[in-house]
Amino acid sequence: MVAIKQEVQNMIQNLPDNCTYEDIQYHLYVVKKIKNGMNRAKKGEASSHKDAKERMAKWLSN
């Protein structure tokens, strides 16, 4: 497992030289959200594709 500090350093190294603080914040946010989703899926806390489609259909119909 890669340490968080090393993971962030690698991410920053892959960003363009002219990136902004906001670019870095956004990338950190996206990585965190993806990791949270993957962890929830591993725990069985994620919705199925069918359930997600049904929930989205209800939301769009309002």
Protein backbone atom coordinates (compact mmCIF):
# COMPACT_ATOMS: atom_id res chain seq x y z
CA MET A 1 0.00 0.00 0.00
CA VAL A 2 1.36 3.37 -1.03
CA ALA A 3 1.51 5.94 1.76
CA ILE A 4 -0.87 8.86 1.29
CA LYS A 5 1.97 11.38 1.19
CA GLN A 6 3.72 9.45 -1.58
CA GLU A 7 0.46 9.05 -3.48
CA VAL A 8 -0.14 12.82 -3.37
CA GLN A 9 3.43 13.52 -4.46
CA ASN A 10 3.00 11.19 -7.44
CA MET A 11 -0.28 12.85 -8.36
CA ILE A 12 1.28 16.31 -8.26
CA GLN A 13 4.21 15.17 -10.37
CA ASN A 14 1.75 14.07 -13.07
CA LEU A 15 -0.04 17.44 -13.18
CA PRO A 16 1.11 20.09 -15.68
CA ASP A 17 3.70 22.60 -14.49
CA ASN A 18 1.20 25.44 -14.80
CA CYS A 19 -1.46 23.84 -12.57
CA THR A 20 -3.14 25.94 -9.90
CA TYR A 21 -3.90 25.26 -6.25
CA GLU A 22 -7.49 24.70 -7.35
CA ASP A 23 -6.36 22.03 -9.84
CA ILE A 24 -4.54 20.21 -7.06
CA GLN A 25 -7.51 20.50 -4.70
CA TYR A 26 -9.86 19.19 -7.38
CA HIS A 27 -7.66 16.19 -8.12
CA LEU A 28 -7.38 15.38 -4.40
CA TYR A 29 -11.16 15.66 -4.09
CA VAL A 30 -11.79 13.32 -7.02
CA VAL A 31 -9.28 10.72 -5.82
CA LYS A 32 -10.82 10.77 -2.32
CA LYS A 33 -14.36 10.37 -3.69
CA ILE A 34 -13.29 7.44 -5.89
CA LYS A 35 -11.52 5.73 -2.98
CA ASN A 36 -14.57 6.24 -0.75
CA GLY A 37 -16.81 4.70 -3.42
CA MET A 38 -14.50 1.74 -3.90
CA ASN A 39 -14.36 1.12 -0.15
CA ARG A 40 -18.17 1.28 0.08
CA ALA A 41 -18.47 -1.18 -2.79
CA LYS A 42 -16.07 -3.59 -1.07
CA LYS A 43 -18.25 -3.41 2.06
CA GLY A 44 -21.37 -4.11 0.02
CA GLU A 45 -22.76 -0.62 0.64
CA ALA A 46 -23.04 0.34 -3.02
CA SER A 47 -26.22 0.35 -5.08
CA SER A 48 -26.62 -1.95 -8.04
CA HIS A 49 -26.76 -0.47 -11.51
CA LYS A 50 -30.46 -1.35 -11.69
CA ASP A 51 -31.19 0.40 -8.36
CA ALA A 52 -29.23 3.46 -9.43
CA LYS A 53 -31.17 3.68 -12.71
CA GLU A 54 -34.48 3.40 -10.85
CA ARG A 55 -33.49 6.10 -8.36
CA MET A 56 -32.30 8.37 -11.18
CA ALA A 57 -35.57 7.84 -13.10
CA LYS A 58 -37.58 8.88 -10.03
CA TRP A 59 -35.36 11.92 -9.52
CA LEU A 60 -35.65 12.99 -13.17
CA SER A 61 -39.43 12.56 -13.23
CA ASN A 62 -39.92 15.20 -10.50
